[in-house]
Amino acid sequence: MVKKGLQASALVVANVLLLSACGGGGSSTDTVDSVSIVDDSSGTDDNSGTCDNPVTSLPTIFLEFNTSPNVTAVLSSDGCYVTVEANGKPNHTSSYWDSGNESGLYVEPEDPELFDQQRSPGDIEDYINVFTLTVPIEPALASSSSATPLGAIGIATSGAPIFNDSEGNGDVSLGVIQGFDRNGAHTGPQTYHYHLEPEAISYDDDSLVGIMSDGFFIYGRRCYSSVDYPTDLDESNGHTAITQFTGSDAEDAEYHYHISGEQYLNGDYYLIFPGNFQGTPNGVN
């Protein structure tokens, strides 16, 4: 399987893969095993000794990814990096599963007639993907922000990729949204992916949604530290605060992102990530 074949050389931080149109899928391979392991392969780890605080076990937050059968996280042998690998399929219901319901996860769209008119082509079962992201244990804020590319810019805890607020050469429009499922997602090209708040993962709460290409995590619209909407967000909807995965003291606070709390197109739509990366993007390949 894919996870068992990981070598240390695959843990080098990857370059961003620019994808055409709305974005493309990863490379073809088998389904991902949900196993949390430390990579103890015998090869030389190119990143060895490059972090100040290596860890000996996978940080608890990454175990949230391993609860899905479609995604897993692997700690590098030097304790400095984590590779998150997913097969791009969500672990929840969607109208983009084949309506024959072989998966058991198909659900009727809220407005079948409108959905049929606006839906993107293809079903989730049509695609065989692998999305891989290698990030440092301690990501750092960059000296300047960087724009997100088309295609996958993060990986959700469900196993499906996160995309930005663009659709082709334009913004996500109302016409496009009418073809989304209940999780602000659709297919194309060659993968199922989220643009809006994915209700199966987070809906107006502080749940962990996923990890972005720069290594920072993204949460729902609310903040764990205040149990309310954060008021100190930067232009990327990020801030430094404690979370349910950190200690409770002020020095335990970590930088992280939130789903945008700004209503989009005057509807109950909230973009996952309409801003720039505040860290250094590593690339979702």
C-alpha atoms as a PDB file:
ATOM      1  CA  MET A   1       0.000   0.000   0.000  1.00  0.00           C
ATOM      2  CA  VAL A   2       1.067   3.636  -0.401  1.00  0.00           C
ATOM      3  CA  LYS A   3       1.829   4.290   3.278  1.00  0.00           C
ATOM      4  CA  LYS A   4       3.980   1.277   3.728  1.00  0.00           C
ATOM      5  CA  GLY A   5       6.115   2.270   0.735  1.00  0.00           C
ATOM      6  CA  LEU A   6       7.056   5.684   2.027  1.00  0.00           C
ATOM      7  CA  GLN A   7      10.790   6.279   2.045  1.00  0.00           C
ATOM      8  CA  ALA A   8      12.619   9.009   3.873  1.00  0.00           C
ATOM      9  CA  SER A   9      13.436  10.711   0.604  1.00  0.00           C
ATOM     10  CA  ALA A  10       9.714  11.264   0.077  1.00  0.00           C
ATOM     11  CA  LEU A  11       9.647  13.387   3.175  1.00  0.00           C
ATOM     12  CA  VAL A  12      11.556  16.258   1.606  1.00  0.00           C
ATOM     13  CA  VAL A  13       9.363  19.332   1.373  1.00  0.00           C
ATOM     14  CA  ALA A  14       7.770  19.276  -2.077  1.00  0.00           C
ATOM     15  CA  ASN A  15       7.364  22.092  -4.584  1.00  0.00           C
ATOM     16  CA  VAL A  16       3.913  23.450  -5.353  1.00  0.00           C
ATOM     17  CA  LEU A  17       2.248  21.650  -8.234  1.00  0.00           C
ATOM     18  CA  LEU A  18       0.311  24.175 -10.262  1.00  0.00           C
ATOM     19  CA  LEU A  19      -2.855  22.647 -11.665  1.00  0.00           C
ATOM     20  CA  SER A  20      -4.988  23.808 -14.523  1.00  0.00           C
ATOM     21  CA  ALA A  21      -8.624  24.898 -14.381  1.00  0.00           C
ATOM     22  CA  CYS A  22     -10.163  24.368 -10.954  1.00  0.00           C
ATOM     23  CA  GLY A  23      -7.349  21.918 -10.144  1.00  0.00           C
ATOM     24  CA  GLY A  24      -6.369  18.355 -10.771  1.00  0.00           C
ATOM     25  CA  GLY A  25      -5.947  15.087  -8.948  1.00  0.00           C
ATOM     26  CA  GLY A  26      -2.830  13.529  -7.566  1.00  0.00           C
ATOM     27  CA  SER A  27      -1.009  10.547  -8.993  1.00  0.00           C
ATOM     28  CA  SER A  28      -2.803   7.245  -9.410  1.00  0.00           C
ATOM     29  CA  THR A  29      -2.313   4.572  -6.735  1.00  0.00           C
ATOM     30  CA  ASP A  30      -4.138   2.342  -4.270  1.00  0.00           C
ATOM     31  CA  THR A  31      -6.363   3.339  -1.362  1.00  0.00           C
ATOM     32  CA  VAL A  32      -4.566   4.729   1.688  1.00  0.00           C
ATOM     33  CA  ASP A  33      -4.369   2.755   4.932  1.00  0.00           C
ATOM     34  CA  SER A  34      -5.353   4.623   8.102  1.00  0.00           C
ATOM     35  CA  VAL A  35      -2.247   3.822  10.126  1.00  0.00           C
ATOM     36  CA  SER A  36      -0.141   6.175  12.235  1.00  0.00           C
ATOM     37  CA  ILE A  37       3.503   5.116  12.137  1.00  0.00           C
ATOM     38  CA  VAL A  38       6.983   6.496  12.504  1.00  0.00           C
ATOM     39  CA  ASP A  39       9.033   6.097   9.346  1.00  0.00           C
ATOM     40  CA  ASP A  40      12.084   4.104  10.393  1.00  0.00           C
ATOM     41  CA  SER A  41      13.319   3.313   6.894  1.00  0.00           C
ATOM     42  CA  SER A  42      17.034   2.757   6.561  1.00  0.00           C
ATOM     43  CA  GLY A  43      17.617   5.528   4.023  1.00  0.00           C
ATOM     44  CA  THR A  44      19.246   8.822   4.929  1.00  0.00           C
ATOM     45  CA  ASP A  45      16.777  11.524   5.947  1.00  0.00           C
ATOM     46  CA  ASP A  46      17.720  14.660   4.004  1.00  0.00           C
ATOM     47  CA  ASN A  47      16.014  16.805   6.643  1.00  0.00           C
ATOM     48  CA  SER A  48      17.804  15.180   9.568  1.00  0.00           C
ATOM     49  CA  GLY A  49      18.804  17.600  12.304  1.00  0.00           C
ATOM     50  CA  THR A  50      17.063  20.572  10.710  1.00  0.00           C
ATOM     51  CA  CYS A  51      14.588  21.327  13.503  1.00  0.00           C
ATOM     52  CA  ASP A  52      15.183  22.585  17.015  1.00  0.00           C
ATOM     53  CA  ASN A  53      12.539  20.478  18.744  1.00  0.00           C
ATOM     54  CA  PRO A  54      12.144  17.033  17.162  1.00  0.00           C
ATOM     55  CA  VAL A  55       9.399  14.825  18.528  1.00  0.00           C
ATOM     56  CA  THR A  56       9.366  11.091  19.186  1.00  0.00           C
ATOM     57  CA  SER A  57       5.706  10.442  18.460  1.00  0.00           C
ATOM     58  CA  LEU A  58       3.074  11.831  16.145  1.00  0.00           C
ATOM     59  CA  PRO A  59       1.491  14.988  17.652  1.00  0.00           C
ATOM     60  CA  THR A  60      -2.072  14.364  18.848  1.00  0.00           C
ATOM     61  CA  ILE A  61      -3.625  16.725  16.322  1.00  0.00           C
ATOM     62  CA  PHE A  62      -2.473  14.532  13.435  1.00  0.00           C
ATOM     63  CA  LEU A  63      -4.373  11.581  14.889  1.00  0.00           C
ATOM     64  CA  GLU A  64      -7.518  13.446  13.850  1.00  0.00           C
ATOM     65  CA  PHE A  65      -6.554  12.754  10.245  1.00  0.00           C
ATOM     66  CA  ASN A  66      -6.015   9.072  10.953  1.00  0.00           C
ATOM     67  CA  THR A  67      -9.611   8.645  12.093  1.00  0.00           C
ATOM     68  CA  SER A  68     -10.605   8.678   8.415  1.00  0.00           C
ATOM     69  CA  PRO A  69      -9.846   5.545   6.364  1.00  0.00           C
ATOM     70  CA  ASN A  70      -8.888   7.839   3.478  1.00  0.00           C
ATOM     71  CA  VAL A  71      -6.010   9.775   5.043  1.00  0.00           C
ATOM     72  CA  THR A  72      -3.060   9.145   7.318  1.00  0.00           C
ATOM     73  CA  ALA A  73      -0.141  11.014   8.839  1.00  0.00           C
ATOM     74  CA  VAL A  74       3.408   9.676   9.138  1.00  0.00           C
ATOM     75  CA  LEU A  75       6.203  11.070  11.280  1.00  0.00           C
ATOM     76  CA  SER A  76       9.671  11.273   9.752  1.00  0.00           C
ATOM     77  CA  SER A  77      12.481   9.263  11.322  1.00  0.00           C
ATOM     78  CA  ASP A  78      14.183  12.441  12.572  1.00  0.00           C
ATOM     79  CA  GLY A  79      11.005  13.679  14.267  1.00  0.00           C
ATOM     80  CA  CYS A  80      11.023  16.951  12.344  1.00  0.00           C
ATOM     81  CA  TYR A  81       8.425  16.429   9.610  1.00  0.00           C
ATOM     82  CA  VAL A  82       5.013  14.886   9.093  1.00  0.00           C
ATOM     83  CA  THR A  83       3.713  13.623   5.783  1.00  0.00           C
ATOM     84  CA  VAL A  84      -0.069  13.661   5.348  1.00  0.00           C
ATOM     85  CA  GLU A  85      -1.275  11.436   2.541  1.00  0.00           C
ATOM     86  CA  ALA A  86      -4.856  11.065   1.326  1.00  0.00           C
ATOM     87  CA  ASN A  87      -6.729   9.368  -1.492  1.00  0.00           C
ATOM     88  CA  GLY A  88      -8.993  12.363  -2.118  1.00  0.00           C
ATOM     89  CA  LYS A  89     -12.232  10.631  -1.208  1.00  0.00           C
ATOM     90  CA  PRO A  90     -14.341  12.032   1.652  1.00  0.00           C
ATOM     91  CA  ASN A  91     -15.454   9.855   4.556  1.00  0.00           C
ATOM     92  CA  HIS A  92     -18.915  11.437   4.551  1.00  0.00           C
ATOM     93  CA  THR A  93     -22.065  11.503   2.440  1.00  0.00           C
ATOM     94  CA  SER A  94     -22.304  13.525  -0.765  1.00  0.00           C
ATOM     95  CA  SER A  95     -24.472  13.830  -3.831  1.00  0.00           C
ATOM     96  CA  TYR A  96     -21.280  13.251  -5.825  1.00  0.00           C
ATOM     97  CA  TRP A  97     -21.055   9.610  -4.831  1.00  0.00           C
ATOM     98  CA  ASP A  98     -22.543   7.379  -7.525  1.00  0.00           C
ATOM     99  CA  SER A  99     -26.324   7.383  -7.169  1.00  0.00           C
ATOM    100  CA  GLY A 100     -26.275   3.570  -7.308  1.00  0.00           C
ATOM    101  CA  ASN A 101     -24.992   3.953  -3.739  1.00  0.00           C
ATOM    102  CA  GLU A 102     -22.469   1.147  -3.831  1.00  0.00           C
ATOM    103  CA  SER A 103     -20.425   3.223  -1.373  1.00  0.00           C
ATOM    104  CA  GLY A 104     -23.361   3.622   1.006  1.00  0.00           C
ATOM    105  CA  LEU A 105     -22.537   7.343   1.169  1.00  0.00           C
ATOM    106  CA  TYR A 106     -24.743   8.730  -1.596  1.00  0.00           C
ATOM    107  CA  VAL A 107     -27.349  11.268  -0.490  1.00  0.00           C
ATOM    108  CA  GLU A 108     -30.004  13.034  -2.548  1.00  0.00           C
ATOM    109  CA  PRO A 109     -29.240  16.725  -3.238  1.00  0.00           C
ATOM    110  CA  GLU A 110     -31.403  19.295  -1.509  1.00  0.00           C
ATOM    111  CA  ASP A 111     -32.745  20.508  -4.861  1.00  0.00           C
ATOM    112  CA  PRO A 112     -32.380  17.567  -7.299  1.00  0.00           C
ATOM    113  CA  GLU A 113     -33.560  19.485 -10.373  1.00  0.00           C
ATOM    114  CA  LEU A 114     -31.215  22.437  -9.843  1.00  0.00           C
ATOM    115  CA  PHE A 115     -28.348  20.166  -8.851  1.00  0.00           C
ATOM    116  CA  ASP A 116     -28.738  18.095 -12.007  1.00  0.00           C
ATOM    117  CA  GLN A 117     -28.564  21.287 -14.069  1.00  0.00           C
ATOM    118  CA  GLN A 118     -25.469  22.674 -12.327  1.00  0.00           C
ATOM    119  CA  ARG A 119     -23.565  19.610 -11.094  1.00  0.00           C
ATOM    120  CA  SER A 120     -20.004  19.045 -12.222  1.00  0.00           C
ATOM    121  CA  PRO A 121     -19.349  15.926 -14.312  1.00  0.00           C
ATOM    122  CA  GLY A 122     -18.053  12.773 -12.691  1.00  0.00           C
ATOM    123  CA  ASP A 123     -18.611  10.840  -9.475  1.00  0.00           C
ATOM    124  CA  ILE A 124     -16.232  10.406  -6.564  1.00  0.00           C
ATOM    125  CA  GLU A 125     -15.750   6.739  -7.464  1.00  0.00           C
ATOM    126  CA  ASP A 126     -14.397   7.745 -10.884  1.00  0.00           C
ATOM    127  CA  TYR A 127     -11.108   9.038  -9.472  1.00  0.00           C
ATOM    128  CA  ILE A 128      -7.988   7.321  -8.160  1.00  0.00           C
ATOM    129  CA  ASN A 129      -5.761   9.891  -6.488  1.00  0.00           C
ATOM    130  CA  VAL A 130      -3.050  10.376  -3.924  1.00  0.00           C
ATOM    131  CA  PHE A 131      -2.488  13.797  -2.357  1.00  0.00           C
ATOM    132  CA  THR A 132       0.720  14.139  -0.352  1.00  0.00           C
ATOM    133  CA  LEU A 133       1.815  17.040   1.838  1.00  0.00           C
ATOM    134  CA  THR A 134       5.017  17.107   3.913  1.00  0.00           C
ATOM    135  CA  VAL A 135       5.231  19.833   6.558  1.00  0.00           C
ATOM    136  CA  PRO A 136       7.641  20.703   9.372  1.00  0.00           C
ATOM    137  CA  ILE A 137       6.625  19.915  12.945  1.00  0.00           C
ATOM    138  CA  GLU A 138       7.031  23.601  13.775  1.00  0.00           C
ATOM    139  CA  PRO A 139       5.903  25.676  10.755  1.00  0.00           C
ATOM    140  CA  ALA A 140       6.947  29.316  10.852  1.00  0.00           C
ATOM    141  CA  LEU A 141       5.312  32.474   9.595  1.00  0.00           C
ATOM    142  CA  ALA A 142       7.020  33.784   6.459  1.00  0.00           C
ATOM    143  CA  SER A 143       8.397  37.295   6.046  1.00  0.00           C
ATOM    144  CA  SER A 144       5.680  37.906   3.458  1.00  0.00           C
ATOM    145  CA  SER A 145       2.496  36.135   2.426  1.00  0.00           C
ATOM    146  CA  SER A 146       2.124  34.192  -0.830  1.00  0.00           C
ATOM    147  CA  ALA A 147      -0.841  33.617  -3.103  1.00  0.00           C
ATOM    148  CA  THR A 148      -2.493  30.228  -3.300  1.00  0.00           C
ATOM    149  CA  PRO A 149      -2.313  28.306  -6.591  1.00  0.00           C
ATOM    150  CA  LEU A 150      -5.139  26.581  -8.404  1.00  0.00           C
ATOM    151  CA  GLY A 151      -5.668  23.000  -7.306  1.00  0.00           C
ATOM    152  CA  ALA A 152      -5.151  21.452  -3.896  1.00  0.00           C
ATOM    153  CA  ILE A 153      -3.881  23.905  -1.270  1.00  0.00           C
ATOM    154  CA  GLY A 154      -4.573  21.736   1.759  1.00  0.00           C
ATOM    155  CA  ILE A 155      -5.910  18.386   2.933  1.00  0.00           C
ATOM    156  CA  ALA A 156      -9.061  18.032   5.039  1.00  0.00           C
ATOM    157  CA  THR A 157      -9.423  15.556   7.892  1.00  0.00           C
ATOM    158  CA  SER A 158     -11.946  13.679   5.727  1.00  0.00           C
ATOM    159  CA  GLY A 159      -9.317  12.795   3.107  1.00  0.00           C
ATOM    160  CA  ALA A 160     -10.497  15.225   0.419  1.00  0.00           C
ATOM    161  CA  PRO A 161      -8.417  18.216  -0.753  1.00  0.00           C
ATOM    162  CA  ILE A 162      -9.124  21.870   0.033  1.00  0.00           C
ATOM    163  CA  PHE A 163      -9.212  24.410  -2.820  1.00  0.00           C
ATOM    164  CA  ASN A 164      -9.186  28.207  -2.708  1.00  0.00           C
ATOM    165  CA  ASP A 165     -11.905  30.655  -3.811  1.00  0.00           C
ATOM    166  CA  SER A 166     -11.154  30.376  -7.537  1.00  0.00           C
ATOM    167  CA  GLU A 167     -12.918  28.362 -10.196  1.00  0.00           C
ATOM    168  CA  GLY A 168     -10.879  28.331 -13.370  1.00  0.00           C
ATOM    169  CA  ASN A 169      -9.885  31.925 -14.106  1.00  0.00           C
ATOM    170  CA  GLY A 170     -12.613  33.489 -11.971  1.00  0.00           C
ATOM    171  CA  ASP A 171     -14.106  33.418  -8.504  1.00  0.00           C
ATOM    172  CA  VAL A 172     -16.508  30.772  -7.307  1.00  0.00           C
ATOM    173  CA  SER A 173     -19.823  32.071  -8.638  1.00  0.00           C
ATOM    174  CA  LEU A 174     -23.395  31.458  -7.536  1.00  0.00           C
ATOM    175  CA  GLY A 175     -23.919  29.296 -10.625  1.00  0.00           C
ATOM    176  CA  VAL A 176     -21.002  27.127  -9.565  1.00  0.00           C
ATOM    177  CA  ILE A 177     -22.214  26.956  -5.959  1.00  0.00           C
ATOM    178  CA  GLN A 178     -25.592  25.653  -7.104  1.00  0.00           C
ATOM    179  CA  GLY A 179     -23.718  22.564  -8.268  1.00  0.00           C
ATOM    180  CA  PHE A 180     -22.057  22.003  -4.874  1.00  0.00           C
ATOM    181  CA  ASP A 181     -23.148  19.329  -2.437  1.00  0.00           C
ATOM    182  CA  ARG A 182     -24.037  20.087   1.201  1.00  0.00           C
ATOM    183  CA  ASN A 183     -20.345  20.316   2.005  1.00  0.00           C
ATOM    184  CA  GLY A 184     -19.486  23.156  -0.351  1.00  0.00           C
ATOM    185  CA  ALA A 185     -17.756  20.721  -2.677  1.00  0.00           C
ATOM    186  CA  HIS A 186     -17.910  19.351  -6.192  1.00  0.00           C
ATOM    187  CA  THR A 187     -15.845  17.327  -8.636  1.00  0.00           C
ATOM    188  CA  GLY A 188     -13.384  18.415 -11.281  1.00  0.00           C
ATOM    189  CA  PRO A 189     -11.046  18.020 -12.802  1.00  0.00           C
ATOM    190  CA  GLN A 190     -10.280  14.493 -11.658  1.00  0.00           C
ATOM    191  CA  THR A 191     -11.024  14.972  -7.967  1.00  0.00           C
ATOM    192  CA  TYR A 192     -13.674  15.855  -5.400  1.00  0.00           C
ATOM    193  CA  HIS A 193     -12.747  18.978  -3.421  1.00  0.00           C
ATOM    194  CA  TYR A 194     -14.018  21.681  -1.037  1.00  0.00           C
ATOM    195  CA  HIS A 195     -14.362  25.401  -1.720  1.00  0.00           C
ATOM    196  CA  LEU A 196     -16.806  26.269   1.076  1.00  0.00           C
ATOM    197  CA  GLU A 197     -17.343  25.312   4.716  1.00  0.00           C
ATOM    198  CA  PRO A 198     -17.757  21.504   4.712  1.00  0.00           C
ATOM    199  CA  GLU A 199     -20.730  20.920   7.003  1.00  0.00           C
ATOM    200  CA  ALA A 200     -19.859  17.252   7.576  1.00  0.00           C
ATOM    201  CA  ILE A 201     -16.586  18.398   9.173  1.00  0.00           C
ATOM    202  CA  SER A 202     -17.419  21.806  10.620  1.00  0.00           C
ATOM    203  CA  TYR A 203     -20.520  23.975  10.729  1.00  0.00           C
ATOM    204  CA  ASP A 204     -20.328  27.225  12.683  1.00  0.00           C
ATOM    205  CA  ASP A 205     -17.996  25.679  15.274  1.00  0.00           C
ATOM    206  CA  ASP A 206     -14.325  25.329  16.214  1.00  0.00           C
ATOM    207  CA  SER A 207     -13.691  21.877  14.727  1.00  0.00           C
ATOM    208  CA  LEU A 208     -10.395  21.041  13.054  1.00  0.00           C
ATOM    209  CA  VAL A 209     -10.997  21.146   9.299  1.00  0.00           C
ATOM    210  CA  GLY A 210      -7.582  20.261   7.888  1.00  0.00           C
ATOM    211  CA  ILE A 211      -4.034  21.353   7.245  1.00  0.00           C
ATOM    212  CA  MET A 212      -2.886  23.899   4.686  1.00  0.00           C
ATOM    213  CA  SER A 213       0.134  23.681   2.399  1.00  0.00           C
ATOM    214  CA  ASP A 214       2.221  25.913   4.665  1.00  0.00           C
ATOM    215  CA  GLY A 215       1.796  23.524   7.609  1.00  0.00           C
ATOM    216  CA  PHE A 216      -0.702  25.583   9.580  1.00  0.00           C
ATOM    217  CA  PHE A 217      -3.999  24.017  10.585  1.00  0.00           C
ATOM    218  CA  ILE A 218      -7.404  25.410   9.714  1.00  0.00           C
ATOM    219  CA  TYR A 219     -10.429  25.354  11.998  1.00  0.00           C
ATOM    220  CA  GLY A 220     -14.109  26.247  11.736  1.00  0.00           C
ATOM    221  CA  ARG A 221     -15.489  29.755  11.981  1.00  0.00           C
ATOM    222  CA  ARG A 222     -15.438  29.846  15.777  1.00  0.00           C
ATOM    223  CA  CYS A 223     -12.421  30.039  18.057  1.00  0.00           C
ATOM    224  CA  TYR A 224     -11.841  27.447  20.780  1.00  0.00           C
ATOM    225  CA  SER A 225     -10.169  29.982  23.078  1.00  0.00           C
ATOM    226  CA  SER A 226     -13.189  32.303  23.180  1.00  0.00           C
ATOM    227  CA  VAL A 227     -16.009  29.950  22.077  1.00  0.00           C
ATOM    228  CA  ASP A 228     -17.001  32.772  19.740  1.00  0.00           C
ATOM    229  CA  TYR A 229     -16.017  34.258  16.412  1.00  0.00           C
ATOM    230  CA  PRO A 230     -12.405  35.509  16.569  1.00  0.00           C
ATOM    231  CA  THR A 231     -11.986  39.272  16.276  1.00  0.00           C
ATOM    232  CA  ASP A 232      -8.221  39.448  15.817  1.00  0.00           C
ATOM    233  CA  LEU A 233      -7.824  37.643  12.492  1.00  0.00           C
ATOM    234  CA  ASP A 234      -5.318  38.781   9.881  1.00  0.00           C
ATOM    235  CA  GLU A 235      -6.020  39.070   6.143  1.00  0.00           C
ATOM    236  CA  SER A 236      -5.780  35.277   5.813  1.00  0.00           C
ATOM    237  CA  ASN A 237      -8.250  34.633   8.640  1.00  0.00           C
ATOM    238  CA  GLY A 238      -5.404  33.519  10.872  1.00  0.00           C
ATOM    239  CA  HIS A 239      -4.292  34.384  14.389  1.00  0.00           C
ATOM    240  CA  THR A 240      -2.311  33.041  17.326  1.00  0.00           C
ATOM    241  CA  ALA A 241      -4.399  31.458  20.080  1.00  0.00           C
ATOM    242  CA  ILE A 242      -4.740  28.244  22.044  1.00  0.00           C
ATOM    243  CA  THR A 243      -6.791  25.413  20.547  1.00  0.00           C
ATOM    244  CA  GLN A 244      -8.221  22.131  21.765  1.00  0.00           C
ATOM    245  CA  PHE A 245      -4.928  20.536  20.715  1.00  0.00           C
ATOM    246  CA  THR A 246      -2.584  22.855  22.632  1.00  0.00           C
ATOM    247  CA  GLY A 247      -2.015  23.537  26.299  1.00  0.00           C
ATOM    248  CA  SER A 248      -4.198  26.089  28.045  1.00  0.00           C
ATOM    249  CA  ASP A 249      -1.497  28.622  28.931  1.00  0.00           C
ATOM    250  CA  ALA A 250      -0.777  31.732  26.870  1.00  0.00           C
ATOM    251  CA  GLU A 251       2.650  30.433  25.864  1.00  0.00           C
ATOM    252  CA  ASP A 252       0.963  27.381  24.318  1.00  0.00           C
ATOM    253  CA  ALA A 253      -0.841  29.522  21.719  1.00  0.00           C
ATOM    254  CA  GLU A 254      -0.170  28.599  18.089  1.00  0.00           C
ATOM    255  CA  TYR A 255      -0.837  30.325  14.798  1.00  0.00           C
ATOM    256  CA  HIS A 256      -3.693  28.784  12.820  1.00  0.00           C
ATOM    257  CA  TYR A 257      -6.371  29.683  10.278  1.00  0.00           C
ATOM    258  CA  HIS A 258     -10.151  29.773  10.451  1.00  0.00           C
ATOM    259  CA  ILE A 259     -12.791  29.328   7.776  1.00  0.00           C
ATOM    260  CA  SER A 260     -13.829  32.791   6.642  1.00  0.00           C
ATOM    261  CA  GLY A 261     -16.594  34.197   8.827  1.00  0.00           C
ATOM    262  CA  GLU A 262     -17.710  36.584   6.089  1.00  0.00           C
ATOM    263  CA  GLN A 263     -20.906  35.576   4.344  1.00  0.00           C
ATOM    264  CA  TYR A 264     -20.224  34.935   0.679  1.00  0.00           C
ATOM    265  CA  LEU A 265     -22.557  36.075  -2.117  1.00  0.00           C
ATOM    266  CA  ASN A 266     -25.191  37.055   0.450  1.00  0.00           C
ATOM    267  CA  GLY A 267     -25.990  33.432   1.184  1.00  0.00           C
ATOM    268  CA  ASP A 268     -25.192  30.852   3.847  1.00  0.00           C
ATOM    269  CA  TYR A 269     -21.844  30.263   2.166  1.00  0.00           C
ATOM    270  CA  TYR A 270     -18.441  30.586   3.822  1.00  0.00           C
ATOM    271  CA  LEU A 271     -15.226  30.205   1.862  1.00  0.00           C
ATOM    272  CA  ILE A 272     -12.653  27.902   3.421  1.00  0.00           C
ATOM    273  CA  PHE A 273      -9.564  29.814   2.391  1.00  0.00           C
ATOM    274  CA  PRO A 274      -9.888  33.006   0.330  1.00  0.00           C
ATOM    275  CA  GLY A 275      -6.608  34.534   1.529  1.00  0.00           C
ATOM    276  CA  ASN A 276      -2.861  34.036   1.089  1.00  0.00           C
ATOM    277  CA  PHE A 277      -0.554  31.612   2.827  1.00  0.00           C
ATOM    278  CA  GLN A 278       1.104  33.266   5.820  1.00  0.00           C
ATOM    279  CA  GLY A 279       3.729  30.528   6.011  1.00  0.00           C
ATOM    280  CA  THR A 280       5.924  28.959   3.346  1.00  0.00           C
ATOM    281  CA  PRO A 281       3.853  26.642   1.113  1.00  0.00           C
ATOM    282  CA  ASN A 282       5.262  23.146   0.730  1.00  0.00           C
ATOM    283  CA  GLY A 283       2.988  21.966  -2.060  1.00  0.00           C
ATOM    284  CA  VAL A 284       0.250  19.330  -2.138  1.00  0.00           C
ATOM    285  CA  ASN A 285       1.415  16.787  -4.704  1.00  0.00           C
END
